[in-house]
């Protein structure tokens, strides 16, 4: 069977899954859903009811990083998986402390006990720690790796909370790294708007 990817266009977890699938060139059936109106087929498939969710003949993958590794395990023409162990530690840092600071800043109204200025500063500190590492353009040299594609969708989400302020405060190499991503054909190709999937629709293939 062709694998099915349940996705939501703007979700950073879904974005990074699509980035890896697109890089791998592995064809999947893309099913764009609305998180406020989740279809029954998606809820039946996804243990966590979150995107991305990949359904293949080997089972269900419900974590975005697992979907990325699944795709690159089949085909990795860019060598994205070729990175040091430090790459996995960086992904963990952005999936954990950075994402927590991002959410507390972006959704401050939901967290009255948290100070968005403090959490913004925490996120900026994590980003600033990458400045020297990004001297060659990417986290581990002159080409992207799995870590870049796993982390950049969250940096994008954080930056867009207040882009003018972010641009005025971010360090130069981090800024260039994000701008390279934001203006890339790579990102544009996985951010195309697709109709919301409904049961019985003709398959929409991706990439």
Protein backbone atom coordinates (compact mmCIF):
# COMPACT_ATOMS: atom_id res chain seq x y z
CA UNK A 1 0.00 0.00 0.00
CA UNK A 2 1.03 3.62 -0.47
CA UNK A 3 1.71 5.16 2.93
CA UNK A 4 -0.81 7.77 4.10
CA UNK A 5 0.34 10.96 5.81
CA UNK A 6 -2.20 12.87 7.86
CA UNK A 7 -0.95 16.44 8.06
CA UNK A 8 -1.87 20.01 8.95
CA UNK A 9 -0.14 22.62 6.82
CA UNK A 10 1.01 25.08 9.51
CA UNK A 11 1.95 22.61 12.26
CA UNK A 12 5.75 22.63 12.70
CA UNK A 13 5.78 18.93 13.53
CA UNK A 14 3.94 18.19 10.29
CA UNK A 15 6.17 20.59 8.36
CA UNK A 16 9.31 18.76 9.39
CA UNK A 17 7.80 15.41 8.48
CA UNK A 18 6.93 16.74 5.02
CA UNK A 19 10.43 18.21 4.64
CA UNK A 20 12.02 14.80 5.19
CA UNK A 21 9.56 12.99 2.93
CA UNK A 22 10.15 15.56 0.19
CA UNK A 23 13.92 15.24 0.53
CA UNK A 24 13.67 11.45 0.40
CA UNK A 25 11.36 11.57 -2.61
CA UNK A 26 9.16 8.88 -1.07
CA UNK A 27 5.62 9.11 -2.40
CA UNK A 28 2.83 9.20 0.18
CA UNK A 29 -0.87 9.98 0.03
CA UNK A 30 -1.23 13.37 1.74
CA UNK A 31 -4.39 13.94 3.74
CA UNK A 32 -4.70 17.52 4.95
CA UNK A 33 -6.94 17.71 8.01
CA UNK A 34 -8.36 20.41 10.26
CA UNK A 35 -7.31 20.02 13.89
CA UNK A 36 -10.63 21.48 15.00
CA UNK A 37 -12.58 18.93 12.93
CA UNK A 38 -10.62 15.69 12.92
CA UNK A 39 -11.98 13.00 10.59
CA UNK A 40 -12.87 9.56 11.93
CA UNK A 41 -10.25 7.79 9.79
CA UNK A 42 -7.52 9.95 11.32
CA UNK A 43 -8.76 9.40 14.87
CA UNK A 44 -8.89 5.66 14.22
CA UNK A 45 -5.28 5.72 12.98
CA UNK A 46 -3.56 8.12 15.37
CA UNK A 47 -3.08 6.99 19.00
CA UNK A 48 -2.43 10.58 20.08
CA UNK A 49 -4.85 12.32 17.68
CA UNK A 50 -2.02 14.64 16.62
CA UNK A 51 -0.28 15.32 13.32
CA UNK A 52 1.72 14.13 11.60
CA UNK A 53 0.51 10.55 11.53
CA UNK A 54 1.91 8.11 8.98
CA UNK A 55 0.06 4.91 8.17
CA UNK A 56 2.06 2.35 6.19
CA UNK A 57 2.04 -1.39 5.65
CA UNK A 58 4.45 -1.72 8.59
CA UNK A 59 2.22 0.13 11.05
CA UNK A 60 1.50 3.62 12.36
CA UNK A 61 4.08 6.29 13.18
CA UNK A 62 2.67 9.00 15.41
CA UNK A 63 5.82 11.04 16.17
CA UNK A 64 7.20 13.53 13.65
CA UNK A 65 10.83 12.55 14.21
CA UNK A 66 9.93 8.90 13.60
CA UNK A 67 8.27 9.91 10.32
CA UNK A 68 11.42 11.80 9.30
CA UNK A 69 13.62 8.81 10.08
CA UNK A 70 11.21 6.47 8.26
CA UNK A 71 11.47 8.55 5.10
CA UNK A 72 15.24 8.97 5.24
CA UNK A 73 15.64 5.28 6.03
CA UNK A 74 14.18 4.51 2.60
CA UNK A 75 16.06 7.16 0.65
CA UNK A 76 18.46 9.88 1.75
CA UNK A 77 19.88 11.52 -1.39
CA UNK A 78 21.03 14.63 0.51
CA UNK A 79 22.72 12.64 3.27
CA UNK A 80 20.58 14.36 5.92
CA UNK A 81 21.09 11.47 8.34
CA UNK A 82 24.85 11.89 8.16
CA UNK A 83 25.37 14.04 11.24
CA UNK A 84 27.15 13.68 14.58
CA UNK A 85 25.39 12.52 17.74
CA UNK A 86 25.34 16.16 18.82
CA UNK A 87 22.60 16.65 16.23
CA UNK A 88 20.23 14.41 18.15
CA UNK A 89 21.02 16.27 21.37
CA UNK A 90 20.21 19.56 19.64
CA UNK A 91 16.89 18.20 18.37
CA UNK A 92 16.06 17.14 21.94
CA UNK A 93 16.87 20.65 23.19
CA UNK A 94 14.57 22.28 20.67
CA UNK A 95 11.81 19.70 21.11
CA UNK A 96 12.02 20.24 24.87
CA UNK A 97 13.15 23.55 26.44
CA UNK A 98 12.89 25.63 23.25
CA UNK A 99 9.39 24.42 22.32
CA UNK A 100 8.25 24.95 25.90
CA UNK A 101 9.56 28.54 25.87
CA UNK A 102 8.04 29.10 22.42
CA UNK A 103 4.58 27.95 23.54
CA UNK A 104 4.68 30.01 26.76
CA UNK A 105 5.60 33.08 24.69
CA UNK A 106 3.21 32.55 21.78
CA UNK A 107 0.26 31.51 23.93
CA UNK A 108 0.99 33.74 26.91
CA UNK A 109 -2.71 34.47 27.46
CA UNK A 110 -3.22 30.78 28.30
CA UNK A 111 -0.41 30.86 30.87
CA UNK A 112 -1.04 33.80 33.21
CA UNK A 113 1.51 32.47 35.73
CA UNK A 114 4.29 32.67 33.14
CA UNK A 115 6.07 35.85 32.00
CA UNK A 116 6.35 35.93 28.17
CA UNK A 117 9.36 38.25 28.38
CA UNK A 118 11.21 35.67 30.47
CA UNK A 119 10.29 32.79 28.18
CA UNK A 120 11.17 34.84 25.07
CA UNK A 121 14.59 35.50 26.58
CA UNK A 122 15.01 31.77 27.27
CA UNK A 123 14.24 30.92 23.65
CA UNK A 124 16.58 33.61 22.35
CA UNK A 125 19.36 32.31 24.60
CA UNK A 126 18.98 28.80 23.16
CA UNK A 127 19.13 30.26 19.64
CA UNK A 128 22.08 32.48 20.46
CA UNK A 129 24.06 29.44 21.57
CA UNK A 130 24.01 28.27 17.94
CA UNK A 131 25.69 31.41 16.58
CA UNK A 132 29.25 30.10 16.32
CA UNK A 133 28.09 26.67 15.18
CA UNK A 134 26.29 28.26 12.20
CA UNK A 135 29.41 29.97 10.85
CA UNK A 136 29.35 27.78 7.72
CA UNK A 137 25.61 28.28 7.15
CA UNK A 138 24.20 25.11 8.68
CA UNK A 139 24.43 23.37 12.04
CA UNK A 140 27.08 20.89 10.93
CA UNK A 141 28.87 22.55 8.04
CA UNK A 142 27.96 23.73 4.57
CA UNK A 143 24.90 21.57 3.97
CA UNK A 144 21.73 20.83 5.92
CA UNK A 145 21.24 17.73 8.05
CA UNK A 146 18.33 16.09 9.81
CA UNK A 147 18.88 18.46 12.74
CA UNK A 148 18.43 21.58 10.59
CA UNK A 149 15.18 20.34 9.07
CA UNK A 150 13.87 19.10 12.42
CA UNK A 151 14.60 22.37 14.22
CA UNK A 152 13.97 25.14 11.67
CA UNK A 153 10.14 24.82 11.59
CA UNK A 154 10.11 25.69 15.31
CA UNK A 155 12.55 28.57 14.87
CA UNK A 156 10.22 29.83 12.12
CA UNK A 157 7.21 29.57 14.42
CA UNK A 158 9.00 31.44 17.19
CA UNK A 159 10.28 34.17 14.88
CA UNK A 160 6.78 34.78 13.49
CA UNK A 161 5.40 35.64 16.93
CA UNK A 162 6.91 39.10 16.37
CA UNK A 163 9.13 39.05 13.27
CA UNK A 164 10.33 42.68 13.43
CA UNK A 165 11.38 42.25 17.04
CA UNK A 166 13.01 38.89 16.30
CA UNK A 167 14.96 40.41 13.41
CA UNK A 168 16.21 43.22 15.63
CA UNK A 169 17.37 40.89 18.41
CA UNK A 170 18.62 37.73 16.67
CA UNK A 171 22.34 37.11 16.08
CA UNK A 172 23.61 37.32 12.47
CA UNK A 173 24.33 33.66 11.71
CA UNK A 174 21.05 32.49 13.24
CA UNK A 175 19.24 35.14 11.20
CA UNK A 176 20.93 34.04 7.97
CA UNK A 177 20.18 30.37 8.73
CA UNK A 178 16.49 31.07 9.22
CA UNK A 179 16.23 33.40 6.20
CA UNK A 180 17.86 30.77 3.96
CA UNK A 181 15.15 28.38 5.09
CA UNK A 182 12.26 30.87 4.84
CA UNK A 183 13.13 31.84 1.27
CA UNK A 184 13.93 28.30 0.07
CA UNK A 185 12.19 26.32 -2.64
CA UNK A 186 12.39 23.48 -0.11
CA UNK A 187 10.03 25.21 2.30
CA UNK A 188 7.75 26.62 -0.39
CA UNK A 189 7.29 23.16 -1.88
CA UNK A 190 5.98 21.66 1.38
CA UNK A 191 3.80 24.66 2.28
CA UNK A 192 1.46 24.56 -0.71
CA UNK A 193 -2.17 24.88 0.27
CA UNK A 194 -4.17 21.72 -0.34
CA UNK A 195 -7.88 21.06 0.08
CA UNK A 196 -8.98 19.48 3.34
CA UNK A 197 -9.30 15.72 2.90
CA UNK A 198 -12.67 14.01 3.13
CA UNK A 199 -13.55 10.31 3.00
CA UNK A 200 -13.92 9.23 -0.61
CA UNK A 201 -11.62 11.90 -2.09
CA UNK A 202 -9.23 10.90 -4.85
CA UNK A 203 -5.72 10.38 -3.43
CA UNK A 204 -3.46 13.45 -3.37
CA UNK A 205 0.14 12.33 -3.82
CA UNK A 206 3.08 14.04 -2.12
CA UNK A 207 5.70 15.22 -2.89
